[in-house]
C-alpha atoms as a PDB file:
ATOM      1  CA  UNK A   1      26.173 -34.809 -23.473  1.00  0.00           C
ATOM      2  CA  UNK A   2      23.466 -32.234 -24.111  1.00  0.00           C
ATOM      3  CA  UNK A   3      25.809 -29.599 -25.478  1.00  0.00           C
ATOM      4  CA  UNK A   4      27.161 -31.702 -28.425  1.00  0.00           C
ATOM      5  CA  UNK A   5      23.618 -32.717 -29.388  1.00  0.00           C
ATOM      6  CA  UNK A   6      22.441 -29.120 -29.219  1.00  0.00           C
ATOM      7  CA  UNK A   7      25.355 -27.970 -31.366  1.00  0.00           C
ATOM      8  CA  UNK A   8      24.679 -30.729 -33.911  1.00  0.00           C
ATOM      9  CA  UNK A   9      20.999 -29.783 -34.151  1.00  0.00           C
ATOM     10  CA  UNK A  10      21.815 -26.080 -34.571  1.00  0.00           C
ATOM     11  CA  UNK A  11      24.347 -26.835 -37.329  1.00  0.00           C
ATOM     12  CA  UNK A  12      21.791 -28.974 -39.147  1.00  0.00           C
ATOM     13  CA  UNK A  13      19.116 -26.276 -38.909  1.00  0.00           C
ATOM     14  CA  UNK A  14      21.450 -23.526 -40.079  1.00  0.00           C
ATOM     15  CA  UNK A  15      22.691 -25.695 -42.940  1.00  0.00           C
ATOM     16  CA  UNK A  16      19.162 -26.310 -44.210  1.00  0.00           C
ATOM     17  CA  UNK A  17      18.233 -22.642 -43.733  1.00  0.00           C
ATOM     18  CA  UNK A  18      21.226 -21.556 -45.814  1.00  0.00           C
ATOM     19  CA  UNK A  19      20.409 -23.937 -48.685  1.00  0.00           C
ATOM     20  CA  UNK A  20      16.668 -23.175 -48.984  1.00  0.00           C
ATOM     21  CA  UNK A  21      16.926 -19.462 -49.955  1.00  0.00           C
ATOM     22  CA  UNK A  22      19.655 -20.224 -52.484  1.00  0.00           C
ATOM     23  CA  UNK A  23      17.430 -22.801 -54.171  1.00  0.00           C
ATOM     24  CA  UNK A  24      14.415 -20.475 -54.297  1.00  0.00           C
ATOM     25  CA  UNK A  25      16.137 -17.568 -56.038  1.00  0.00           C
ATOM     26  CA  UNK A  26      17.932 -18.658 -59.178  1.00  0.00           C
ATOM     27  CA  UNK A  27      19.152 -16.291 -61.861  1.00  0.00           C
ATOM     28  CA  UNK A  28      17.091 -16.561 -65.048  1.00  0.00           C
ATOM     29  CA  UNK A  29      18.864 -16.713 -68.421  1.00  0.00           C
ATOM     30  CA  UNK A  30      19.495 -13.465 -70.271  1.00  0.00           C
ATOM     31  CA  UNK A  31      16.595 -12.230 -72.438  1.00  0.00           C
ATOM     32  CA  UNK A  32      14.051 -14.839 -71.182  1.00  0.00           C
ATOM     33  CA  UNK A  33      10.649 -13.176 -70.715  1.00  0.00           C
ATOM     34  CA  UNK A  34       9.575 -13.033 -67.053  1.00  0.00           C
ATOM     35  CA  UNK A  35       6.403 -11.722 -65.374  1.00  0.00           C
ATOM     36  CA  UNK A  36       6.388  -8.140 -64.121  1.00  0.00           C
ATOM     37  CA  UNK A  37       6.240  -9.406 -60.516  1.00  0.00           C
ATOM     38  CA  UNK A  38       9.321 -11.659 -60.765  1.00  0.00           C
ATOM     39  CA  UNK A  39      10.467 -12.161 -57.139  1.00  0.00           C
ATOM     40  CA  UNK A  40      14.244 -12.229 -57.613  1.00  0.00           C
ATOM     41  CA  UNK A  41      16.618  -9.269 -57.771  1.00  0.00           C
ATOM     42  CA  UNK A  42      17.757  -8.336 -61.280  1.00  0.00           C
ATOM     43  CA  UNK A  43      20.642  -5.943 -61.949  1.00  0.00           C
ATOM     44  CA  UNK A  44      19.591  -4.689 -65.389  1.00  0.00           C
ATOM     45  CA  UNK A  45      16.061  -5.139 -66.785  1.00  0.00           C
ATOM     46  CA  UNK A  46      14.446  -4.776 -70.195  1.00  0.00           C
ATOM     47  CA  UNK A  47      10.744  -3.893 -69.979  1.00  0.00           C
ATOM     48  CA  UNK A  48       8.292  -4.869 -72.713  1.00  0.00           C
ATOM     49  CA  UNK A  49       4.502  -4.660 -72.935  1.00  0.00           C
ATOM     50  CA  UNK A  50       4.355  -8.332 -71.889  1.00  0.00           C
ATOM     51  CA  UNK A  51       6.896  -8.559 -69.059  1.00  0.00           C
ATOM     52  CA  UNK A  52      10.549  -8.056 -68.203  1.00  0.00           C
ATOM     53  CA  UNK A  53      13.810  -9.869 -68.818  1.00  0.00           C
ATOM     54  CA  UNK A  54      17.328  -9.895 -67.444  1.00  0.00           C
ATOM     55  CA  UNK A  55      19.851  -8.221 -69.757  1.00  0.00           C
ATOM     56  CA  UNK A  56      23.619  -7.677 -69.466  1.00  0.00           C
ATOM     57  CA  UNK A  57      24.558  -4.767 -67.195  1.00  0.00           C
ATOM     58  CA  UNK A  58      26.611  -3.226 -70.019  1.00  0.00           C
ATOM     59  CA  UNK A  59      23.369  -2.127 -71.735  1.00  0.00           C
ATOM     60  CA  UNK A  60      22.679   1.416 -70.579  1.00  0.00           C
ATOM     61  CA  UNK A  61      19.252   2.401 -69.161  1.00  0.00           C
ATOM     62  CA  UNK A  62      16.980   3.999 -71.744  1.00  0.00           C
ATOM     63  CA  UNK A  63      18.358   2.076 -74.713  1.00  0.00           C
ATOM     64  CA  UNK A  64      16.243  -0.282 -76.844  1.00  0.00           C
ATOM     65  CA  UNK A  65      16.408  -3.980 -75.967  1.00  0.00           C
ATOM     66  CA  UNK A  66      14.530  -7.212 -76.655  1.00  0.00           C
ATOM     67  CA  UNK A  67      13.158 -10.116 -74.603  1.00  0.00           C
ATOM     68  CA  UNK A  68      12.584 -13.633 -75.927  1.00  0.00           C
ATOM     69  CA  UNK A  69       9.129 -15.153 -75.339  1.00  0.00           C
ATOM     70  CA  UNK A  70       8.576 -18.896 -74.790  1.00  0.00           C
ATOM     71  CA  UNK A  71       7.837 -19.508 -78.474  1.00  0.00           C
ATOM     72  CA  UNK A  72      11.093 -17.871 -79.554  1.00  0.00           C
ATOM     73  CA  UNK A  73       9.497 -14.560 -80.552  1.00  0.00           C
ATOM     74  CA  UNK A  74      11.574 -11.466 -79.749  1.00  0.00           C
ATOM     75  CA  UNK A  75       9.604  -8.642 -78.094  1.00  0.00           C
ATOM     76  CA  UNK A  76      10.935  -5.067 -78.269  1.00  0.00           C
ATOM     77  CA  UNK A  77      11.378  -3.066 -75.070  1.00  0.00           C
ATOM     78  CA  UNK A  78      13.524  -0.525 -73.294  1.00  0.00           C
ATOM     79  CA  UNK A  79      16.148  -0.918 -70.575  1.00  0.00           C
ATOM     80  CA  UNK A  80      14.781   0.604 -67.369  1.00  0.00           C
ATOM     81  CA  UNK A  81      17.538  -0.028 -64.782  1.00  0.00           C
END
């Protein structure tokens, strides 16, 4: 009787633990301006004077790029990785 209850509790805990990290780290839209200390992993980043943004990986490092601020303004930057 104890073993099925223990297994059910462990499955519930592992299920919640697997969902929580996925909800915390979501991929931002391309070109949306983010703070420099954005916590999620980003494959290719454009750096501006005001922050960073996710850009398509096909843009080579060192090339010019732009990030879009909240008001719709495009900010020039450079692809850093």
